[in-house]
N, C-alpha and C. Protein backbone atom coordinates (compact mmCIF):
# COMPACT_ATOMS: atom_id res chain seq x y z
N MET A 1 -22.63 11.55 23.12
CA MET A 1 -21.92 10.99 21.85
C MET A 1 -21.28 12.05 20.61
N GLY A 2 -21.87 13.45 21.04
CA GLY A 2 -21.42 14.38 20.10
C GLY A 2 -19.79 14.76 20.43
N LEU A 3 -19.46 14.44 21.59
CA LEU A 3 -18.23 14.77 22.15
C LEU A 3 -17.24 13.61 21.38
N ILE A 4 -17.64 12.72 20.74
CA ILE A 4 -17.00 11.51 20.21
C ILE A 4 -16.84 11.87 18.64
N ILE A 5 -18.24 12.06 17.91
CA ILE A 5 -18.46 12.07 16.66
C ILE A 5 -17.85 13.79 16.28
N GLY A 6 -18.00 14.69 17.14
CA GLY A 6 -17.41 16.15 16.63
C GLY A 6 -15.99 15.98 16.29
N PRO A 7 -15.05 15.43 17.02
CA PRO A 7 -13.72 15.44 16.62
C PRO A 7 -13.41 14.46 15.40
N VAL A 8 -14.12 13.46 15.24
CA VAL A 8 -14.28 12.74 14.09
C VAL A 8 -14.40 13.72 13.03
N ILE A 9 -15.62 14.29 12.98
CA ILE A 9 -16.15 14.99 11.78
C ILE A 9 -15.01 16.26 11.38
N LEU A 10 -14.51 16.81 12.45
CA LEU A 10 -13.46 17.72 12.15
C LEU A 10 -12.30 17.03 11.14
N LEU A 11 -11.69 15.65 11.78
CA LEU A 11 -10.89 15.01 10.95
C LEU A 11 -11.20 14.87 9.59
N TRP A 12 -12.32 14.37 9.26
CA TRP A 12 -12.80 14.24 7.94
C TRP A 12 -13.04 15.41 7.14
N VAL A 13 -13.30 16.59 7.94
CA VAL A 13 -13.34 17.88 7.21
C VAL A 13 -11.96 18.26 6.78
N ALA A 14 -10.96 18.04 7.73
CA ALA A 14 -9.48 18.34 7.32
C ALA A 14 -8.82 17.48 6.51
N ALA A 15 -9.30 16.35 6.05
CA ALA A 15 -8.88 15.47 5.15
C ALA A 15 -9.54 16.00 3.94
N PHE A 16 -10.72 16.23 3.85
CA PHE A 16 -11.36 16.77 2.75
C PHE A 16 -10.76 18.07 2.19
N SER A 17 -10.53 18.74 2.94
CA SER A 17 -9.48 20.15 2.91
C SER A 17 -8.28 19.50 2.13
N PHE A 18 -7.51 18.66 2.69
CA PHE A 18 -6.54 18.26 2.16
C PHE A 18 -6.51 17.79 0.63
N THR A 19 -7.72 16.80 0.36
CA THR A 19 -7.84 16.39 -0.66
C THR A 19 -8.10 17.56 -1.80
N LEU A 20 -8.92 18.61 -1.27
CA LEU A 20 -9.21 19.73 -2.40
C LEU A 20 -7.74 20.23 -2.80
N ARG A 21 -7.01 20.40 -1.62
CA ARG A 21 -5.48 21.06 -2.27
C ARG A 21 -4.73 20.05 -2.82
N MET A 22 -4.70 18.70 -2.58
CA MET A 22 -4.11 17.66 -3.48
C MET A 22 -4.80 17.86 -4.90
N GLY A 23 -5.96 17.91 -5.09
CA GLY A 23 -6.71 17.95 -6.43
C GLY A 23 -6.15 19.54 -7.11
N TYR A 24 -6.00 20.40 -6.67
CA TYR A 24 -5.73 21.81 -7.16
C TYR A 24 -4.39 21.55 -7.50
N VAL A 25 -3.37 20.95 -6.71
CA VAL A 25 -1.80 20.76 -7.36
C VAL A 25 -2.09 19.75 -8.32
N LEU A 26 -2.73 18.64 -8.40
CA LEU A 26 -2.53 17.84 -9.47
C LEU A 26 -3.29 18.44 -11.05
N LEU A 27 -4.48 19.16 -10.73
CA LEU A 27 -5.13 19.73 -12.04
C LEU A 27 -4.64 21.07 -12.43
N GLU A 28 -3.68 21.74 -11.63
CA GLU A 28 -3.41 23.16 -11.90
C GLU A 28 -2.62 23.17 -13.42
N GLY A 29 -3.17 23.71 -14.10
CA GLY A 29 -2.39 23.91 -15.70
C GLY A 29 -2.84 22.80 -16.44
N LYS A 30 -3.66 21.89 -16.12
CA LYS A 30 -4.24 21.16 -17.08
C LYS A 30 -5.09 21.38 -18.12
N ALA A 31 -5.44 20.84 -18.87
CA ALA A 31 -6.31 21.21 -20.01
C ALA A 31 -7.95 20.77 -19.43
N PHE A 32 -8.75 21.73 -19.40
CA PHE A 32 -10.08 21.25 -18.70
C PHE A 32 -10.75 20.09 -19.08
N PHE A 33 -11.21 20.25 -20.64
CA PHE A 33 -12.01 19.12 -20.99
C PHE A 33 -11.58 17.56 -20.94
N PRO A 34 -10.38 17.46 -21.56
CA PRO A 34 -10.10 16.11 -21.63
C PRO A 34 -9.61 15.51 -20.35
N TYR A 35 -8.79 16.38 -19.53
CA TYR A 35 -8.13 15.78 -18.08
C TYR A 35 -8.97 16.15 -17.02
N VAL A 36 -9.13 17.68 -16.66
CA VAL A 36 -9.91 17.91 -15.56
C VAL A 36 -11.34 17.49 -15.39
N CYS A 37 -12.13 17.56 -16.31
CA CYS A 37 -13.41 17.30 -16.33
C CYS A 37 -13.65 15.80 -16.13
N VAL A 38 -12.82 14.90 -16.60
CA VAL A 38 -12.90 13.67 -16.52
C VAL A 38 -12.54 13.05 -14.86
N VAL A 39 -11.51 13.56 -14.50
CA VAL A 39 -10.95 13.49 -13.15
C VAL A 39 -12.08 13.97 -12.11
N LEU A 40 -12.63 14.95 -12.35
CA LEU A 40 -13.74 15.66 -11.23
C LEU A 40 -14.76 14.88 -11.36
N LEU A 41 -14.99 14.41 -12.63
CA LEU A 41 -16.50 13.55 -12.74
C LEU A 41 -16.17 12.14 -12.08
N LEU A 42 -15.14 11.57 -12.09
CA LEU A 42 -14.73 10.16 -11.61
C LEU A 42 -14.58 10.41 -10.35
N ALA A 43 -14.05 11.51 -9.71
CA ALA A 43 -14.10 11.65 -8.01
C ALA A 43 -15.43 12.01 -7.37
N VAL A 44 -16.45 12.48 -8.24
CA VAL A 44 -17.58 12.90 -7.56
C VAL A 44 -18.45 11.63 -7.73
N ALA A 45 -18.28 10.89 -8.74
CA ALA A 45 -19.12 9.64 -9.00
C ALA A 45 -18.71 8.46 -8.17
N GLY A 46 -17.38 8.53 -8.02
CA GLY A 46 -16.75 7.67 -6.55
C GLY A 46 -17.35 8.00 -5.10
N SER A 47 -17.64 9.22 -5.17
CA SER A 47 -18.13 9.61 -3.76
C SER A 47 -19.48 9.29 -3.54
N VAL A 48 -20.35 9.37 -4.64
CA VAL A 48 -21.68 9.00 -4.85
C VAL A 48 -21.91 7.48 -4.64
N LEU A 49 -21.28 6.70 -5.34
CA LEU A 49 -21.26 5.39 -5.33
C LEU A 49 -20.76 4.90 -3.77
N TYR A 50 -20.07 5.53 -3.16
CA TYR A 50 -19.72 5.11 -1.79
C TYR A 50 -20.81 5.52 -0.81
N VAL A 51 -21.51 6.57 -1.00
CA VAL A 51 -22.55 6.91 -0.03
C VAL A 51 -23.87 6.14 -0.47
N PHE A 52 -23.89 5.70 -1.80
CA PHE A 52 -25.04 4.83 -1.98
C PHE A 52 -24.95 3.69 -1.43
N GLY A 53 -23.50 3.03 -1.71
CA GLY A 53 -23.33 1.81 -1.09
C GLY A 53 -23.23 1.68 0.37
N GLY A 54 -23.05 2.61 0.98
CA GLY A 54 -22.74 2.51 2.40
C GLY A 54 -24.49 2.56 2.81
N LEU A 55 -25.31 3.47 2.15
CA LEU A 55 -26.57 3.42 2.79
C LEU A 55 -27.58 2.51 2.63
N SER A 56 -27.03 1.96 1.46
CA SER A 56 -27.77 0.72 0.88
C SER A 56 -27.91 -0.44 2.14
N THR A 57 -26.84 -0.44 2.74
CA THR A 57 -26.60 -1.47 3.65
C THR A 57 -27.97 -1.51 5.00
N PHE A 58 -28.07 -0.29 5.00
CA PHE A 58 -29.09 0.23 6.20
C PHE A 58 -30.55 -0.15 5.67
N GLN A 59 -30.89 -0.01 4.27
CA GLN A 59 -32.23 0.32 3.88
C GLN A 59 -32.97 -0.66 4.14
N GLY A 60 -33.23 -2.05 4.55
CA GLY A 60 -34.10 -3.33 4.92
C GLY A 60 -34.61 -3.18 6.20
N ARG A 61 -33.75 -2.31 6.99
CA ARG A 61 -33.98 -1.86 8.56
C ARG A 61 -35.11 -1.23 8.90
N SER A 62 -35.78 -1.52 10.24
CA SER A 62 -36.81 -1.01 10.37
C SER A 62 -36.68 0.30 11.71
N GLU A 63 -35.44 -0.11 12.16
CA GLU A 63 -34.97 0.80 13.29
C GLU A 63 -33.49 0.89 13.47
N LEU A 64 -32.86 2.13 13.95
CA LEU A 64 -31.63 2.26 13.81
C LEU A 64 -31.12 3.02 15.06
N TRP A 65 -29.92 2.85 15.57
CA TRP A 65 -29.81 3.58 16.58
C TRP A 65 -29.16 5.07 16.10
N ALA A 66 -29.39 5.96 16.58
CA ALA A 66 -29.42 7.48 16.18
C ALA A 66 -28.40 7.51 15.52
N PHE A 67 -26.88 7.24 16.03
CA PHE A 67 -25.55 7.38 15.27
C PHE A 67 -25.03 6.40 14.59
N GLU A 68 -25.91 5.23 14.13
CA GLU A 68 -25.29 3.91 13.77
C GLU A 68 -24.75 4.70 12.35
N ILE A 69 -25.46 5.14 11.38
CA ILE A 69 -25.13 5.70 10.11
C ILE A 69 -23.93 6.62 10.07
N PRO A 70 -24.08 7.47 10.83
CA PRO A 70 -22.89 8.61 10.93
C PRO A 70 -21.64 7.80 11.42
N TRP A 71 -21.79 6.80 12.42
CA TRP A 71 -20.67 6.09 13.01
C TRP A 71 -20.11 5.32 11.88
N PHE A 72 -20.95 4.52 11.01
CA PHE A 72 -20.57 3.57 9.92
C PHE A 72 -19.79 4.46 9.03
N PHE A 73 -19.98 5.61 8.68
CA PHE A 73 -19.29 6.50 7.57
C PHE A 73 -18.10 7.17 8.32
N LEU A 74 -17.88 7.44 9.39
CA LEU A 74 -16.89 8.16 10.01
C LEU A 74 -15.93 7.39 10.70
N VAL A 75 -15.99 6.27 11.12
CA VAL A 75 -14.99 5.31 11.83
C VAL A 75 -14.89 3.78 11.24
N ASN A 76 -15.24 3.97 9.77
CA ASN A 76 -15.06 2.74 9.29
C ASN A 76 -13.64 2.66 8.98
N LYS A 77 -12.91 1.38 9.48
CA LYS A 77 -11.63 1.03 9.61
C LYS A 77 -10.80 0.86 8.10
N TYR A 78 -12.00 0.27 7.17
CA TYR A 78 -11.40 0.08 5.84
C TYR A 78 -11.17 1.52 4.92
N THR A 79 -12.07 2.24 5.27
CA THR A 79 -12.07 3.29 4.46
C THR A 79 -11.03 4.17 4.96
N PHE A 80 -10.80 4.13 6.23
CA PHE A 80 -9.72 5.00 6.81
C PHE A 80 -8.20 4.59 6.38
N LEU A 81 -8.17 3.23 6.41
CA LEU A 81 -6.90 2.57 6.09
C LEU A 81 -6.80 2.93 4.74
N VAL A 82 -7.78 2.76 3.50
CA VAL A 82 -7.53 3.02 2.20
C VAL A 82 -7.30 4.64 1.99
N PHE A 83 -7.63 5.64 2.67
CA PHE A 83 -7.37 7.05 2.68
C PHE A 83 -6.29 7.45 3.05
N ALA A 84 -5.70 6.63 4.19
CA ALA A 84 -4.46 6.64 4.81
C ALA A 84 -3.33 6.39 3.89
N LEU A 85 -3.51 5.26 3.26
CA LEU A 85 -2.60 4.85 2.32
C LEU A 85 -2.84 5.60 0.77
N SER A 86 -3.69 6.38 0.60
CA SER A 86 -3.53 7.02 -0.63
C SER A 86 -2.94 8.28 -0.22
N VAL A 87 -3.25 8.83 0.88
CA VAL A 87 -2.38 10.08 1.28
C VAL A 87 -1.04 9.83 1.45
N MET A 88 -0.58 8.70 2.01
CA MET A 88 0.84 8.39 1.87
C MET A 88 1.42 8.35 0.82
N ALA A 89 0.64 7.60 -0.29
CA ALA A 89 1.14 7.48 -1.52
C ALA A 89 1.49 8.72 -2.22
N TYR A 90 0.41 9.71 -1.95
CA TYR A 90 0.57 11.16 -2.42
C TYR A 90 1.98 12.02 -1.79
N LEU A 91 2.10 11.72 -0.46
CA LEU A 91 3.09 12.64 0.14
C LEU A 91 4.58 11.90 -0.09
N PHE A 92 4.84 10.38 0.10
CA PHE A 92 6.01 9.95 -0.15
C PHE A 92 6.18 9.05 -1.22
N GLY A 93 5.20 8.99 -2.02
CA GLY A 93 5.66 8.36 -3.28
C GLY A 93 5.75 8.96 -4.55
N GLY A 94 6.38 10.01 -4.19
CA GLY A 94 6.83 10.78 -5.51
C GLY A 94 7.82 10.35 -6.59
N SER A 95 8.58 9.32 -6.27
CA SER A 95 9.51 8.87 -7.09
C SER A 95 8.61 7.68 -7.93
N ILE A 96 7.89 7.03 -7.06
CA ILE A 96 7.11 5.99 -7.52
C ILE A 96 5.99 6.14 -8.60
N PHE A 97 4.96 7.12 -7.95
CA PHE A 97 3.83 7.45 -8.77
C PHE A 97 4.20 8.79 -9.63
N VAL A 98 4.93 8.86 -10.36
CA VAL A 98 5.18 10.23 -11.32
C VAL A 98 4.14 10.56 -12.60
N GLY A 99 3.44 9.56 -12.82
CA GLY A 99 2.68 9.58 -14.05
C GLY A 99 1.30 10.51 -13.76
N ASP A 100 0.52 11.32 -14.56
CA ASP A 100 -0.85 11.96 -14.12
C ASP A 100 -1.72 10.91 -13.95
N VAL A 101 -1.56 9.93 -14.40
CA VAL A 101 -2.63 8.72 -14.29
C VAL A 101 -2.92 8.36 -13.05
N SER A 102 -1.67 7.92 -12.47
CA SER A 102 -1.54 7.33 -10.99
C SER A 102 -1.75 8.30 -9.91
N LYS A 103 -1.29 9.60 -10.24
CA LYS A 103 -1.72 10.85 -9.46
C LYS A 103 -3.10 10.96 -9.31
N ALA A 104 -3.74 10.92 -10.41
CA ALA A 104 -5.05 11.06 -10.40
C ALA A 104 -5.98 10.12 -9.82
N ILE A 105 -5.50 8.96 -9.83
CA ILE A 105 -6.08 7.81 -8.98
C ILE A 105 -6.08 7.87 -7.58
N ILE A 106 -5.13 8.46 -7.26
CA ILE A 106 -4.74 8.62 -5.90
C ILE A 106 -5.83 9.63 -5.39
N PHE A 107 -5.85 10.71 -6.06
CA PHE A 107 -6.51 11.85 -5.93
C PHE A 107 -8.13 11.41 -5.84
N ILE A 108 -8.64 10.50 -6.80
CA ILE A 108 -9.98 10.26 -7.11
C ILE A 108 -10.23 9.38 -5.78
N VAL A 109 -9.42 8.39 -5.53
CA VAL A 109 -9.78 7.55 -4.05
C VAL A 109 -9.79 8.49 -3.16
N ALA A 110 -8.89 9.45 -2.66
CA ALA A 110 -8.83 10.05 -1.38
C ALA A 110 -10.17 11.24 -1.60
N PHE A 111 -10.50 11.90 -2.61
CA PHE A 111 -11.63 12.69 -2.74
C PHE A 111 -12.87 11.76 -2.35
N SER A 112 -13.09 10.70 -2.73
CA SER A 112 -14.13 9.72 -2.84
C SER A 112 -14.49 9.52 -1.53
N ILE A 113 -13.49 8.98 -0.73
CA ILE A 113 -13.64 8.53 0.77
C ILE A 113 -14.08 9.69 1.48
N ALA A 114 -13.15 10.90 1.37
CA ALA A 114 -13.20 12.03 2.29
C ALA A 114 -14.68 12.79 2.25
N SER A 115 -15.06 12.76 0.88
CA SER A 115 -16.46 13.75 0.95
C SER A 115 -17.59 12.67 0.96
N GLY A 116 -17.34 11.23 0.67
CA GLY A 116 -18.20 10.33 0.88
C GLY A 116 -18.53 10.17 2.21
N SER A 117 -17.57 10.09 3.29
CA SER A 117 -17.88 10.06 4.86
C SER A 117 -18.57 11.32 5.24
N LEU A 118 -18.22 12.45 4.68
CA LEU A 118 -18.92 13.58 5.20
C LEU A 118 -20.20 13.76 4.77
N ILE A 119 -20.75 13.15 3.34
CA ILE A 119 -22.11 13.18 2.83
C ILE A 119 -22.67 12.27 3.49
N GLY A 120 -22.09 11.08 3.78
CA GLY A 120 -22.97 10.01 4.48
C GLY A 120 -23.23 10.39 5.89
N CYS A 121 -22.38 10.92 6.51
CA CYS A 121 -22.77 11.43 7.83
C CYS A 121 -23.75 12.33 7.82
N PHE A 122 -23.77 13.37 7.09
CA PHE A 122 -25.05 14.44 7.13
C PHE A 122 -26.29 14.02 6.53
N SER A 123 -26.24 13.10 5.66
CA SER A 123 -27.35 12.77 4.81
C SER A 123 -28.20 11.62 5.59
N SER A 124 -27.76 11.06 6.77
CA SER A 124 -28.24 9.92 7.59
C SER A 124 -29.61 10.24 7.97
N SER A 125 -29.87 11.33 8.37
CA SER A 125 -31.33 11.59 8.81
C SER A 125 -32.25 11.90 7.86
N ALA A 126 -31.88 12.32 6.98
CA ALA A 126 -32.82 12.39 5.60
C ALA A 126 -32.83 11.09 4.94
N PHE A 127 -31.97 10.11 5.08
CA PHE A 127 -32.09 8.49 4.47
C PHE A 127 -32.94 8.01 5.60
N MET A 128 -33.28 8.12 6.85
CA MET A 128 -34.25 7.38 7.70
C MET A 128 -35.18 7.84 7.64
N LYS A 129 -35.54 9.15 7.25
CA LYS A 129 -36.94 9.76 7.18
C LYS A 129 -37.39 9.25 5.83
N LYS A 130 -36.84 8.93 4.69
CA LYS A 130 -37.09 8.80 3.70
C LYS A 130 -37.70 7.17 3.63
N TYR A 131 -36.83 6.21 4.32
CA TYR A 131 -37.25 5.06 4.31
C TYR A 131 -38.34 4.63 5.43
N ASN A 132 -38.51 5.71 6.22
CA ASN A 132 -39.31 5.35 7.42
C ASN A 132 -38.79 4.30 8.47
N ILE A 133 -37.50 4.74 8.68
CA ILE A 133 -36.68 4.08 9.98
C ILE A 133 -36.71 4.85 10.98
N SER A 134 -37.11 4.01 12.19
CA SER A 134 -37.33 4.76 13.41
C SER A 134 -35.96 4.79 14.09
N GLU A 135 -35.84 5.75 14.95
CA GLU A 135 -34.40 6.18 15.78
C GLU A 135 -34.54 5.61 17.25
N THR A 136 -33.55 4.89 17.46
CA THR A 136 -33.59 4.58 18.77
C THR A 136 -32.37 5.17 19.35
N TYR A 137 -32.37 5.36 20.64
CA TYR A 137 -31.22 6.14 21.49
C TYR A 137 -30.70 5.27 22.47
């Protein structure tokens, strides 16, 4: 299973790196307190909400397949679609999304999904230990 999950993790690491670059380009030269601080807090809050929302779906279970939680976060078709749409809006929507607020929303969505997918994948074993969920293979 690692042969399948490994490349998908690398895809999300590359996506996260791209969102970091996207954020750097967006936030470069802006005032820290009113703009940068709010955008970064919203991006981190979105990531945390995505992780907690995804993990809460597994909370009442007594046993899970070992790769079920990472699989949920890494290959979720809806989050992949939303991430792809946000990246396409960033790359090709230069004439449509010209304001700082629209660019910030695109960054927040992309960052929340990319970082939330990686955090959810890597925190799955700690979540299973905390709620005494047994692993099946």
